[in-house]
Protein backbone atom coordinates (compact mmCIF):
# COMPACT_ATOMS: atom_id res chain seq x y z
CA UNK A 1 -38.01 20.92 45.71
CA UNK A 2 -35.37 23.58 44.86
CA UNK A 3 -32.44 22.23 42.89
CA UNK A 4 -28.86 22.60 44.15
CA UNK A 5 -25.96 22.71 41.75
CA UNK A 6 -22.21 22.77 42.17
CA UNK A 7 -22.11 26.47 41.33
CA UNK A 8 -24.46 28.03 43.84
CA UNK A 9 -26.99 27.82 46.63
CA UNK A 10 -30.55 26.60 46.42
CA UNK A 11 -32.52 28.37 43.71
CA UNK A 12 -35.18 29.20 46.26
CA UNK A 13 -32.88 31.81 47.87
CA UNK A 14 -31.33 34.60 45.85
CA UNK A 15 -27.75 35.41 46.68
CA UNK A 16 -26.41 38.74 45.46
CA UNK A 17 -23.58 38.17 43.07
CA UNK A 18 -21.46 40.77 44.80
CA UNK A 19 -21.59 38.78 48.02
CA UNK A 20 -20.09 35.60 46.59
CA UNK A 21 -17.34 36.91 44.31
CA UNK A 22 -14.09 35.74 45.81
CA UNK A 23 -12.55 33.97 48.81
CA UNK A 24 -10.56 36.01 51.34
CA UNK A 25 -7.02 36.98 50.44
CA UNK A 26 -3.89 35.75 52.19
CA UNK A 27 -3.01 37.79 55.31
CA UNK A 28 -6.70 38.29 56.14
CA UNK A 29 -7.66 37.85 59.82
CA UNK A 30 -10.74 35.66 60.43
CA UNK A 31 -12.79 35.95 63.59
CA UNK A 32 -10.13 38.33 64.99
CA UNK A 33 -7.93 35.26 65.63
CA UNK A 34 -6.90 33.23 62.59
CA UNK A 35 -4.38 34.81 60.18
CA UNK A 36 -4.46 33.39 56.65
CA UNK A 37 -1.12 32.52 55.07
CA UNK A 38 -0.30 31.11 51.63
CA UNK A 39 -2.77 28.87 49.78
CA UNK A 40 -1.72 25.22 50.01
CA UNK A 41 -4.62 23.62 48.13
CA UNK A 42 -7.65 24.47 46.01
CA UNK A 43 -10.77 22.51 45.20
CA UNK A 44 -14.34 22.81 44.07
CA UNK A 45 -15.68 23.04 47.63
CA UNK A 46 -12.93 24.96 49.40
CA UNK A 47 -9.52 26.58 49.53
CA UNK A 48 -7.01 25.51 52.19
CA UNK A 49 -4.59 28.03 53.63
CA UNK A 50 -1.58 27.58 55.85
CA UNK A 51 -2.52 29.81 58.76
CA UNK A 52 -1.70 30.90 62.29
CA UNK A 53 -3.84 30.80 65.41
CA UNK A 54 -2.71 34.19 66.76
CA UNK A 55 -4.17 33.50 70.19
CA UNK A 56 -2.22 30.28 70.76
CA UNK A 57 0.63 31.15 68.34
CA UNK A 58 0.50 27.80 66.55
CA UNK A 59 0.37 26.84 62.86
CA UNK A 60 -2.96 25.50 61.60
CA UNK A 61 -4.66 24.56 58.34
CA UNK A 62 -7.66 26.79 57.58
CA UNK A 63 -10.25 25.46 55.12
CA UNK A 64 -12.38 28.29 53.71
CA UNK A 65 -15.52 27.04 52.00
CA UNK A 66 -16.54 28.22 48.55
CA UNK A 67 -18.35 31.60 48.96
CA UNK A 68 -21.37 30.29 47.05
CA UNK A 69 -21.76 27.42 49.55
CA UNK A 70 -21.11 29.75 52.48
CA UNK A 71 -24.05 31.88 51.31
CA UNK A 72 -26.43 28.89 51.44
CA UNK A 73 -28.19 28.83 54.86
CA UNK A 74 -28.90 25.08 54.59
CA UNK A 75 -25.25 24.31 53.95
CA UNK A 76 -24.09 26.65 56.75
CA UNK A 77 -26.34 24.92 59.27
CA UNK A 78 -25.23 21.41 58.21
CA UNK A 79 -21.59 22.48 58.04
CA UNK A 80 -21.58 23.76 61.61
CA UNK A 81 -23.29 20.61 62.88
CA UNK A 82 -20.92 18.28 61.02
CA UNK A 83 -17.89 20.29 62.19
CA UNK A 84 -18.97 19.85 65.81
CA UNK A 85 -19.40 16.12 65.21
CA UNK A 86 -15.99 15.80 63.55
CA UNK A 87 -14.36 17.64 66.47
CA UNK A 88 -15.53 14.81 68.77
CA UNK A 89 -13.21 12.33 67.04
CA UNK A 90 -10.09 12.11 69.17
CA UNK A 91 -7.78 9.65 67.46
CA UNK A 92 -4.15 9.84 66.27
CA UNK A 93 -5.20 8.66 62.79
CA UNK A 94 -7.76 11.46 62.32
CA UNK A 95 -6.92 15.10 61.52
CA UNK A 96 -7.93 17.16 64.58
CA UNK A 97 -10.64 19.78 64.10
CA UNK A 98 -9.75 22.72 66.35
CA UNK A 99 -12.51 25.23 65.57
CA UNK A 100 -15.15 26.33 63.07
CA UNK A 101 -16.56 29.75 62.48
CA UNK A 102 -17.90 32.36 60.14
CA UNK A 103 -16.96 35.94 59.38
CA UNK A 104 -17.89 38.73 57.02
CA UNK A 105 -15.25 39.54 54.44
CA UNK A 106 -15.10 42.33 51.84
CA UNK A 107 -16.97 40.13 49.36
CA UNK A 108 -19.52 38.50 51.64
CA UNK A 109 -19.82 35.68 54.20
CA UNK A 110 -16.79 33.54 55.02
CA UNK A 111 -17.34 30.03 56.41
CA UNK A 112 -14.19 28.28 57.64
CA UNK A 113 -12.84 25.27 59.49
CA UNK A 114 -9.59 25.30 61.54
CA UNK A 115 -7.70 22.00 61.57
CA UNK A 116 -4.44 20.42 62.56
CA UNK A 117 -1.69 21.24 60.05
CA UNK A 118 -0.09 18.03 58.79
CA UNK A 119 3.39 18.58 57.35
CA UNK A 120 3.45 16.11 54.50
CA UNK A 121 1.26 15.26 51.53
CA UNK A 122 -1.73 13.19 50.55
CA UNK A 123 -1.82 9.50 49.73
CA UNK A 124 -2.62 10.60 46.15
CA UNK A 125 0.81 12.29 45.97
CA UNK A 126 2.42 9.06 47.23
CA UNK A 127 0.61 6.95 44.61
CA UNK A 128 1.60 9.36 41.82
CA UNK A 129 5.21 9.24 42.97
CA UNK A 130 5.55 5.49 43.67
CA UNK A 131 2.73 3.69 41.90
CA UNK A 132 1.59 0.42 43.53
CA UNK A 133 2.85 0.22 47.11
CA UNK A 134 3.13 -3.57 47.43
CA UNK A 135 1.43 -5.67 50.10
CA UNK A 136 3.45 -4.67 53.23
CA UNK A 137 3.28 -0.90 52.60
CA UNK A 138 -0.39 -1.05 51.52
CA UNK A 139 -1.36 -2.74 54.79
CA UNK A 140 0.82 -0.26 56.74
CA UNK A 141 -1.35 2.55 55.29
CA UNK A 142 -4.71 0.78 55.61
CA UNK A 143 -4.34 -0.13 59.29
CA UNK A 144 -4.35 3.49 60.60
CA UNK A 145 -6.95 4.53 58.01
CA UNK A 146 -9.34 1.83 59.27
CA UNK A 147 -8.47 2.63 62.90
CA UNK A 148 -9.48 6.28 62.36
CA UNK A 149 -12.69 5.31 60.55
CA UNK A 150 -13.47 2.80 63.32
CA UNK A 151 -13.36 5.55 65.94
CA UNK A 152 -15.72 7.68 63.81
CA UNK A 153 -18.11 4.75 63.32
CA UNK A 154 -18.05 4.12 67.08
CA UNK A 155 -19.30 7.69 67.54
CA UNK A 156 -22.03 7.23 64.92
CA UNK A 157 -20.27 9.26 62.19
CA UNK A 158 -19.88 8.27 58.52
CA UNK A 159 -17.17 9.79 56.31
CA UNK A 160 -18.89 9.30 52.91
CA UNK A 161 -15.80 10.31 50.91
CA UNK A 162 -12.89 7.93 51.69
CA UNK A 163 -10.24 8.33 48.98
CA UNK A 164 -6.47 8.95 48.62
CA UNK A 165 -6.98 12.74 48.59
CA UNK A 166 -8.48 12.54 52.08
CA UNK A 167 -5.64 10.46 53.57
CA UNK A 168 -2.62 12.48 54.71
CA UNK A 169 0.85 11.07 55.41
CA UNK A 170 3.24 13.20 57.41
CA UNK A 171 7.00 13.36 56.95
CA UNK A 172 7.42 11.12 60.03
CA UNK A 173 5.14 8.36 58.64
CA UNK A 174 1.92 9.34 60.49
CA UNK A 175 -1.26 8.45 58.56
CA UNK A 176 -4.35 10.60 59.16
CA UNK A 177 -7.87 10.68 57.68
CA UNK A 178 -9.25 14.14 56.86
CA UNK A 179 -12.53 15.80 55.87
CA UNK A 180 -15.02 14.00 58.11
CA UNK A 181 -18.50 15.36 57.59
CA UNK A 182 -17.95 17.77 54.66
CA UNK A 183 -19.50 15.49 52.05
CA UNK A 184 -22.31 14.78 54.54
CA UNK A 185 -22.92 18.49 55.04
CA UNK A 186 -23.11 19.16 51.31
CA UNK A 187 -25.37 16.16 50.70
CA UNK A 188 -27.75 16.85 53.60
CA UNK A 189 -27.95 20.55 52.71
CA UNK A 190 -29.90 19.54 49.63
CA UNK A 191 -27.67 17.86 47.09
CA UNK A 192 -28.77 14.28 47.70
CA UNK A 193 -32.40 15.21 48.18
CA UNK A 194 -32.46 16.95 44.82
CA UNK A 195 -31.33 13.95 42.86
CA UNK A 196 -27.61 14.71 43.12
CA UNK A 197 -24.69 12.50 44.17
CA UNK A 198 -22.10 13.99 46.51
CA UNK A 199 -18.77 12.20 46.67
CA UNK A 200 -16.03 10.81 44.47
CA UNK A 201 -17.47 8.50 41.86
CA UNK A 202 -14.44 6.17 41.72
CA UNK A 203 -15.01 5.20 45.39
CA UNK A 204 -18.81 5.44 45.78
CA UNK A 205 -20.66 2.39 47.04
CA UNK A 206 -23.57 1.06 44.96
CA UNK A 207 -26.10 2.28 47.53
CA UNK A 208 -24.70 5.82 47.40
CA UNK A 209 -25.04 5.82 43.61
CA UNK A 210 -28.56 4.39 43.64
CA UNK A 211 -30.14 6.17 46.63
CA UNK A 212 -27.64 8.58 48.19
CA UNK A 213 -27.86 6.68 51.48
CA UNK A 214 -24.62 5.97 53.36
CA UNK A 215 -23.72 4.10 56.56
CA UNK A 216 -20.49 2.60 57.95
CA UNK A 217 -20.64 -0.18 55.35
CA UNK A 218 -20.40 2.51 52.63
CA UNK A 219 -17.10 3.65 54.15
CA UNK A 220 -16.03 -0.03 54.24
CA UNK A 221 -16.71 -0.27 50.47
CA UNK A 222 -14.67 2.87 49.78
CA UNK A 223 -11.85 1.55 51.99
CA UNK A 224 -11.86 -1.68 49.99
CA UNK A 225 -11.56 0.32 46.74
CA UNK A 226 -8.74 2.31 48.35
CA UNK A 227 -6.87 -0.90 49.25
CA UNK A 228 -7.37 -2.16 45.67
CA UNK A 229 -5.74 1.03 44.39
CA UNK A 230 -2.83 0.79 46.84
CA UNK A 231 -2.12 -2.76 45.61
CA UNK A 232 -2.56 -2.11 41.88
CA UNK A 233 -1.83 1.61 41.44
CA UNK A 234 -5.21 2.35 39.83
CA UNK A 235 -8.92 2.37 40.86
CA UNK A 236 -10.89 -0.68 39.72
CA UNK A 237 -13.25 1.30 37.48
CA UNK A 238 -12.49 4.17 35.10
CA UNK A 239 -14.47 5.59 32.23
CA UNK A 240 -15.06 8.54 29.93
CA UNK A 241 -18.12 9.62 31.87
CA UNK A 242 -19.07 9.63 35.52
CA UNK A 243 -22.26 7.73 34.71
CA UNK A 244 -20.27 4.88 33.14
CA UNK A 245 -18.17 4.52 36.30
CA UNK A 246 -21.27 4.68 38.51
CA UNK A 247 -22.93 2.02 36.32
CA UNK A 248 -20.05 -0.39 36.93
CA UNK A 249 -20.20 0.12 40.71
CA UNK A 250 -23.90 -0.77 40.68
CA UNK A 251 -23.82 -3.66 38.19
CA UNK A 252 -20.34 -5.24 38.24
CA UNK A 253 -18.54 -7.31 40.84
CA UNK A 254 -15.16 -5.88 41.80
CA UNK A 255 -12.21 -7.53 39.97
CA UNK A 256 -9.54 -9.24 42.07
CA UNK A 257 -6.42 -7.08 42.65
CA UNK A 258 -4.17 -10.03 41.68
CA UNK A 259 -5.39 -9.73 38.06
CA UNK A 260 -3.17 -6.62 37.87
CA UNK A 261 -0.76 -7.03 40.80
CA UNK A 262 0.66 -10.53 40.68
CA UNK A 263 2.13 -10.35 44.18
CA UNK A 264 -1.32 -10.16 45.85
CA UNK A 265 -2.08 -13.51 47.56
CA UNK A 266 -5.53 -15.15 47.29
CA UNK A 267 -6.36 -14.40 50.95
CA UNK A 268 -5.96 -10.67 50.32
CA UNK A 269 -7.98 -10.94 47.09
CA UNK A 270 -10.87 -12.45 49.08
CA UNK A 271 -10.59 -9.73 51.72
CA UNK A 272 -10.85 -6.93 49.11
CA UNK A 273 -13.76 -8.63 47.33
CA UNK A 274 -15.66 -9.08 50.62
CA UNK A 275 -15.18 -5.41 51.56
CA UNK A 276 -16.42 -4.29 48.11
CA UNK A 277 -19.39 -6.61 47.80
CA UNK A 278 -22.35 -4.93 46.07
CA UNK A 279 -24.54 -6.27 48.89
CA UNK A 280 -23.87 -4.15 52.01
CA UNK A 281 -24.89 -7.05 54.26
CA UNK A 282 -22.02 -9.16 52.87
CA UNK A 283 -19.38 -6.60 53.88
CA UNK A 284 -17.80 -6.20 57.32
CA UNK A 285 -20.27 -4.31 59.53
CA UNK A 286 -17.98 -1.29 60.05
CA UNK A 287 -14.36 -0.20 59.95
CA UNK A 288 -13.56 -1.88 63.29
CA UNK A 289 -14.70 -5.25 61.92
CA UNK A 290 -12.79 -4.64 58.68
CA UNK A 291 -9.64 -3.75 60.66
CA UNK A 292 -9.90 -6.96 62.70
CA UNK A 293 -10.19 -9.03 59.50
CA UNK A 294 -7.25 -7.17 57.91
CA UNK A 295 -5.04 -7.97 60.90
CA UNK A 296 -6.05 -11.63 60.73
CA UNK A 297 -5.11 -11.77 57.04
CA UNK A 298 -1.77 -10.04 57.73
CA UNK A 299 -1.00 -12.49 60.53
CA UNK A 300 -1.99 -15.48 58.39
CA UNK A 301 0.23 -14.31 55.52
CA UNK A 302 3.04 -13.29 57.91
CA UNK A 303 3.23 -9.90 56.21
CA UNK A 304 6.28 -8.03 57.57
CA UNK A 305 5.53 -4.77 59.37
CA UNK A 306 6.99 -1.75 57.56
CA UNK A 307 6.45 1.98 58.13
CA UNK A 308 4.01 3.80 55.82
CA UNK A 309 5.78 5.31 52.80
CA UNK A 310 7.15 8.84 53.18
CA UNK A 311 5.35 11.34 50.95
CA UNK A 312 7.37 12.90 48.11
CA UNK A 313 8.89 16.30 48.78
CA UNK A 314 7.28 18.79 46.42
CA UNK A 315 7.23 22.59 46.19
CA UNK A 316 4.28 24.10 48.05
CA UNK A 317 2.52 25.12 44.84
CA UNK A 318 2.56 21.51 43.61
CA UNK A 319 0.71 20.17 46.66
CA UNK A 320 -2.61 19.87 44.84
CA UNK A 321 -4.48 18.27 47.70
CA UNK A 322 -4.35 18.75 51.46
CA UNK A 323 -6.98 18.50 54.23
CA UNK A 324 -10.47 18.85 52.80
CA UNK A 325 -9.60 19.56 49.18
CA UNK A 326 -11.89 18.49 46.36
CA UNK A 327 -11.45 18.57 42.61
CA UNK A 328 -13.62 21.25 40.99
CA UNK A 329 -16.94 19.87 39.72
CA UNK A 330 -16.04 20.96 36.20
CA UNK A 331 -12.95 18.73 36.18
CA UNK A 332 -12.86 15.74 33.80
CA UNK A 333 -14.91 12.80 35.11
CA UNK A 334 -11.89 10.52 35.27
CA UNK A 335 -10.37 12.62 38.06
CA UNK A 336 -10.72 11.46 41.63
CA UNK A 337 -12.04 14.57 43.35
CA UNK A 338 -15.21 15.10 45.34
CA UNK A 339 -17.94 16.18 42.94
CA UNK A 340 -21.66 16.60 42.60
CA UNK A 341 -23.36 14.88 39.70
CA UNK A 342 -26.93 14.06 38.88
CA UNK A 343 -27.94 10.68 40.31
CA UNK A 344 -29.21 8.45 37.48
CA UNK A 345 -32.60 6.87 37.91
CA UNK A 346 -32.98 3.12 37.56
CA UNK A 347 -33.94 3.35 33.88
CA UNK A 348 -30.91 5.48 33.09
CA UNK A 349 -28.53 3.03 34.76
CA UNK A 350 -30.13 0.07 33.02
CA UNK A 351 -29.81 1.76 29.59
CA UNK A 352 -26.26 2.99 30.10
CA UNK A 353 -24.86 0.11 27.94
CA UNK A 354 -26.83 1.46 24.95
CA UNK A 355 -25.21 4.87 25.41
CA UNK A 356 -21.78 3.29 25.60
CA UNK A 357 -22.47 1.25 22.45
CA UNK A 358 -23.17 4.44 20.48
CA UNK A 359 -19.89 5.92 21.67
CA UNK A 360 -17.83 2.79 21.02
CA UNK A 361 -17.37 3.29 17.29
CA UNK A 362 -15.85 6.72 17.82
CA UNK A 363 -13.32 5.26 20.21
CA UNK A 364 -12.13 2.30 18.13
CA UNK A 365 -9.43 4.19 16.29
CA UNK A 366 -8.19 5.84 19.49
CA UNK A 367 -8.15 2.46 21.22
CA UNK A 368 -5.98 0.92 18.48
CA UNK A 369 -3.50 3.79 18.76
CA UNK A 370 -3.46 3.40 22.52
CA UNK A 371 -2.97 -0.36 22.18
CA UNK A 372 0.09 0.11 19.95
CA UNK A 373 1.58 2.59 22.42
CA UNK A 374 0.90 0.27 25.34
CA UNK A 375 2.56 -2.67 23.59
CA UNK A 376 5.62 -0.55 22.84
CA UNK A 377 5.73 0.63 26.43
CA UNK A 378 5.41 -2.93 27.75
CA UNK A 379 8.25 -4.11 25.52
CA UNK A 380 10.49 -1.31 26.80
CA UNK A 381 9.54 -1.84 30.44
CA UNK A 382 10.00 -5.61 30.14
CA UNK A 383 13.46 -5.19 28.63
CA UNK A 384 14.43 -2.81 31.41
CA UNK A 385 13.00 -5.09 34.11
CA UNK A 386 14.68 -8.24 32.79
CA UNK A 387 17.94 -6.31 32.60
CA UNK A 388 18.81 -4.03 35.53
CA UNK A 389 15.37 -2.88 36.57
CA UNK A 390 14.45 -5.76 38.83
CA UNK A 391 17.68 -5.58 40.85
CA UNK A 392 18.54 -3.30 43.73
CA UNK A 393 21.51 -2.89 46.07
CA UNK A 394 21.52 -3.66 49.79
CA UNK A 395 22.15 -0.36 51.65
CA UNK A 396 24.63 -0.02 54.53
CA UNK A 397 22.55 0.12 57.71
CA UNK A 398 24.72 -1.27 60.54
CA UNK A 399 25.15 1.38 63.23
CA UNK A 400 22.01 3.32 62.20
CA UNK A 401 18.92 3.90 64.33
CA UNK A 402 16.15 1.40 63.62
CA UNK A 403 13.78 3.83 61.85
CA UNK A 404 16.53 5.28 59.66
CA UNK A 405 17.60 1.79 58.65
CA UNK A 406 14.02 0.77 57.81
CA UNK A 407 13.62 3.86 55.65
CA UNK A 408 16.76 3.04 53.65
CA UNK A 409 15.56 -0.55 53.23
CA UNK A 410 12.15 0.63 52.00
CA UNK A 411 13.72 3.18 49.63
CA UNK A 412 15.75 0.32 48.12
CA UNK A 413 12.47 -1.59 47.49
CA UNK A 414 13.41 -4.29 50.00
CA UNK A 415 11.50 -5.72 52.97
CA UNK A 416 13.16 -5.96 56.39
CA UNK A 417 12.64 -8.68 58.98
CA UNK A 418 13.87 -7.69 62.42
CA UNK A 419 15.35 -9.74 65.25
CA UNK A 420 15.99 -8.03 68.58
CA UNK A 421 18.86 -9.12 70.81
CA UNK A 422 20.72 -7.66 73.80
CA UNK A 423 24.19 -6.25 73.27
CA UNK A 424 26.60 -4.77 75.84
CA UNK A 425 28.41 -2.55 73.37
CA UNK A 426 25.60 -1.25 71.11
CA UNK A 427 22.93 1.21 72.23
CA UNK A 428 19.27 0.25 72.33
CA UNK A 429 17.48 0.63 68.98
CA UNK A 430 20.65 0.58 66.85
CA UNK A 431 21.21 -1.99 64.07
CA UNK A 432 23.92 -4.41 65.20
CA UNK A 433 24.06 -6.65 62.12
CA UNK A 434 22.49 -7.03 58.68
CA UNK A 435 22.30 -9.86 56.17
CA UNK A 436 23.22 -9.68 53.31
CA UNK A 437 26.25 -7.39 53.27
CA UNK A 438 26.09 -3.81 51.89
CA UNK A 439 25.99 -3.42 48.09
CA UNK A 440 24.81 -7.01 47.60
CA UNK A 441 22.57 -7.22 44.50
CA UNK A 442 19.03 -8.41 45.34
CA UNK A 443 15.71 -8.74 43.56
CA UNK A 444 13.32 -5.90 44.35
CA UNK A 445 10.93 -6.98 47.10
CA UNK A 446 13.42 -9.44 48.59
CA UNK A 447 13.63 -9.88 52.35
CA UNK A 448 16.69 -8.80 54.33
CA UNK A 449 17.47 -9.59 57.98
CA UNK A 450 18.30 -6.89 60.52
CA UNK A 451 19.50 -7.53 64.06
CA UNK A 452 18.61 -4.63 66.35
CA UNK A 453 20.21 -4.17 69.77
CA UNK A 454 18.03 -3.85 72.86
CA UNK A 455 21.04 -2.65 74.88
CA UNK A 456 22.28 -4.44 77.99
CA UNK A 457 20.00 -7.28 79.18
CA UNK A 458 17.35 -6.48 81.77
CA UNK A 459 16.46 -8.79 84.66
CA UNK A 460 12.93 -10.02 83.84
CA UNK A 461 9.99 -9.40 86.14
CA UNK A 462 9.25 -12.79 87.71
CA UNK A 463 6.07 -12.89 89.77
CA UNK A 464 6.27 -14.36 93.30
CA UNK A 465 5.06 -17.95 93.22
CA UNK A 466 6.56 -18.71 89.79
CA UNK A 467 8.02 -22.25 89.61
CA UNK A 468 11.79 -22.30 89.72
CA UNK A 469 12.10 -23.89 86.25
CA UNK A 470 9.95 -21.20 84.66
CA UNK A 471 11.98 -18.46 86.32
CA UNK A 472 15.19 -20.11 85.17
CA UNK A 473 13.91 -20.23 81.57
CA UNK A 474 12.83 -16.55 81.61
CA UNK A 475 16.26 -15.46 82.84
CA UNK A 476 18.05 -17.50 80.16
CA UNK A 477 15.79 -16.01 77.47
CA UNK A 478 16.87 -12.57 78.69
CA UNK A 479 20.49 -13.62 77.88
CA UNK A 480 21.38 -13.85 81.59
CA UNK A 481 22.59 -16.75 83.77
CA UNK A 482 20.18 -18.05 86.47
CA UNK A 483 21.57 -19.35 89.76
CA UNK A 484 19.68 -21.01 92.62
CA UNK A 485 20.31 -19.29 95.95
CA UNK A 486 22.05 -21.21 98.74
CA UNK A 487 19.84 -23.14 101.12
CA UNK A 488 20.52 -20.58 103.79
CA UNK A 489 19.34 -17.81 101.40
CA UNK A 490 15.80 -19.17 101.23
CA UNK A 491 13.16 -16.92 102.79
CA UNK A 492 9.96 -17.54 104.70
CA UNK A 493 6.79 -16.40 102.92
CA UNK A 494 3.18 -16.55 104.02
CA UNK A 495 1.97 -16.31 100.39
CA UNK A 496 4.51 -18.26 98.32
CA UNK A 497 4.64 -22.06 98.48
CA UNK A 498 7.84 -23.75 99.52
CA UNK A 499 10.31 -24.07 96.63
CA UNK A 500 8.64 -21.42 94.46
CA UNK A 501 10.27 -18.10 93.60
CA UNK A 502 10.06 -15.24 96.11
CA UNK A 503 12.28 -12.71 94.30
CA UNK A 504 15.48 -12.30 92.30
CA UNK A 505 18.78 -10.70 93.22
CA UNK A 506 19.33 -8.22 91.62
CA UNK A 507 15.64 -7.23 91.31
CA UNK A 508 13.57 -7.01 88.13
CA UNK A 509 14.52 -4.16 85.79
CA UNK A 510 18.19 -4.17 86.71
CA UNK A 511 20.62 -3.87 83.78
CA UNK A 512 23.42 -6.47 83.64
CA UNK A 513 26.10 -7.49 81.16
CA UNK A 514 25.19 -10.29 78.74
CA UNK A 515 25.50 -13.56 80.71
CA UNK A 516 25.38 -11.76 84.08
CA UNK A 517 24.31 -13.85 87.10
CA UNK A 518 20.81 -13.56 88.57
CA UNK A 519 20.23 -15.36 91.87
CA UNK A 520 16.77 -16.89 92.31
CA UNK A 521 15.61 -16.71 95.94
CA UNK A 522 13.05 -19.42 96.76
CA UNK A 523 10.54 -19.79 99.57
CA UNK A 524 10.99 -21.82 102.74
CA UNK A 525 7.24 -21.92 103.09
CA UNK A 526 5.11 -20.24 105.75
CA UNK A 527 7.04 -18.86 108.73
CA UNK A 528 6.82 -20.94 111.95
CA UNK A 529 4.91 -19.75 114.98
CA UNK A 530 8.19 -19.08 116.75
CA UNK A 531 11.68 -18.49 115.37
CA UNK A 532 14.97 -19.31 117.11
CA UNK A 533 17.21 -16.24 117.12
CA UNK A 534 20.57 -17.03 115.45
CA UNK A 535 23.96 -15.97 116.71
CA UNK A 536 25.12 -12.97 114.65
CA UNK A 537 27.67 -11.52 117.07
CA UNK A 538 30.94 -10.95 115.22
CA UNK A 539 29.25 -10.64 111.82
CA UNK A 540 29.13 -7.40 109.86
CA UNK A 541 25.87 -5.53 110.34
CA UNK A 542 24.86 -6.10 106.65
CA UNK A 543 25.38 -9.87 106.87
CA UNK A 544 23.55 -10.03 110.22
CA UNK A 545 20.62 -8.05 108.83
CA UNK A 546 20.30 -10.35 105.78
CA UNK A 547 20.36 -13.44 107.99
CA UNK A 548 17.66 -12.08 110.30
CA UNK A 549 15.44 -11.00 107.39
CA UNK A 550 15.83 -14.45 105.81
CA UNK A 551 14.41 -15.96 108.97
CA UNK A 552 11.54 -13.47 109.10
CA UNK A 553 13.06 -11.17 111.74
CA UNK A 554 13.97 -7.50 111.65
CA UNK A 555 17.25 -5.81 112.55
CA UNK A 556 17.74 -2.55 114.42
CA UNK A 557 21.16 -0.94 114.55
CA UNK A 558 22.52 0.68 117.73
CA UNK A 559 25.98 2.21 117.45
CA UNK A 560 28.48 2.59 120.27
CA UNK A 561 32.14 3.44 120.67
CA UNK A 562 33.96 0.15 121.15
CA UNK A 563 37.56 -0.59 120.56
CA UNK A 564 36.57 -4.19 120.91
CA UNK A 565 37.93 -7.60 120.84
CA UNK A 566 36.55 -8.37 117.44
CA UNK A 567 38.60 -6.09 115.23
CA UNK A 568 37.70 -5.39 111.63
CA UNK A 569 36.55 -1.79 112.09
CA UNK A 570 33.36 -0.23 113.39
CA UNK A 571 30.73 -2.24 111.52
CA UNK A 572 30.87 -5.50 113.53
CA UNK A 573 28.07 -6.68 115.84
CA UNK A 574 29.31 -6.80 119.44
CA UNK A 575 26.03 -7.69 121.09
CA UNK A 576 22.45 -8.66 120.27
CA UNK A 577 19.09 -8.66 121.97
CA UNK A 578 17.28 -11.13 122.11
CA UNK A 579 20.21 -13.44 122.51
CA UNK A 580 21.11 -16.51 120.48
CA UNK A 581 18.72 -19.43 120.94
CA UNK A 582 15.74 -17.43 122.24
CA UNK A 583 12.45 -18.24 120.49
CA UNK A 584 10.46 -15.22 119.31
CA UNK A 585 7.47 -14.47 117.06
CA UNK A 586 7.99 -13.79 113.34
CA UNK A 587 8.64 -10.12 112.68
CA UNK A 588 10.34 -9.52 116.03
CA UNK A 589 13.03 -6.83 115.95
CA UNK A 590 16.52 -7.90 117.06
CA UNK A 591 18.66 -5.03 118.36
CA UNK A 592 22.25 -5.22 117.11
CA UNK A 593 24.90 -3.23 118.96
CA UNK A 594 27.58 -2.19 116.46
CA UNK A 595 31.01 -0.89 117.60
């Protein structure tokens, strides 16, 4: 079987060196449609450009694959198939794949993928900037990540390379998973078959290390490692060599996050350990099952809902990872990029401890130096934390929009709990009150209470047939005042039992001042076979019409010039037909002559 390396195509097919020299330059036009702009990321498998779709005049991200991979027919075939599969995923938490194509550049074939451009940065940038995210923010990131993976798993697709570099966070808090299918394409083009591992060793499941096989439970394992890193700020396993990290994935049980992050509760520890079990059968079956369990844990722990953290603002040249970027295979093994490495056989994995034992003596001195530095650092950090470091100030948020207030609270390392209440004088979605007061000194991670206005109260939608007491309660909960209609206001109804609610006045959805009155109209029961026409002569037309409708009759207005004996203007009823006392069928129209 021909061997595939990170530096070229299969050895069974010669590729002229002149055809794989360099990627296309910025400003190049691919497929007579996509204009390349500045480079926004580089990796061992690809370069990502900010580009323009000249046909639709929209910004896009254009991933151009390494020329050596583009020259490999096996990779090209798998790449095109995986790109078509990835384009089927239609989910807000997944980077959209718009197009894929190939072209011939000055230096040879060009294989590219056109994707949604996400203005923001990767989760790796966020972790480097903030360190551990804490439980609320970590779950705020994991929920959309798992939702996006769940949609892929539903379609029969496996990511194979879930890691912080492949999770993007936009400037408006959107979380999106990128690079579906690229690791699969590289692996299926020959890497896995030739005894190579394709992926990021810090997040690889034991089965991917041992056999190269991957299914939705492999993505679940990687997602569990990702959650561990969000809670602790570091992956669970690191080492001087990739093989030492792979050995620990295969032979060690994952440590509990709470061993590093003391704020992680036992329920979340158990969730991470279940997701990262070495036995695939002991993990959740797929991302949808893992998401359901995560939500149950969050509900059990009453974890407050916060927005995902905003990525740090960095100059364009410092954005080291964007959609589909991988660290170059020659990078140090401790890095977290996608890489190919030789898959160890069973004997090699079993004898890895002997290799590490031979290396241990050379590391003893370095470890002692590192230990001294760590102790000094811990002393300094502890002194800072016990002094001013663990305190933060409550920001001023009253009068701000809800999202702006939540961002200030998060930036101050506080957690907000929100209560919504109607308010006549404050617009919907604006913070009406906050506790404690601005500039109050609080411990980092403390909870603060925000009261957010929902605007003027709205009359609730009360279904016909609702018991009067239930309707009364719903109206009070809406900060309005219920009132039972007069006996004469009750209406006949063929479908609503006597005494139950027919409707409200004003109707559902109406805006009222806080404490405004809502009249509950109840049913008189089924209409009788015949109805006695009331006397409405002398009433205003509006009052007469309401009275007739209450009895199950209809009103028809006929106007005439009449200087009349009744007075009060030209809206009084001077005559009616049928007359008072006549018995008619329900729904009969009564003609009202108005002068």
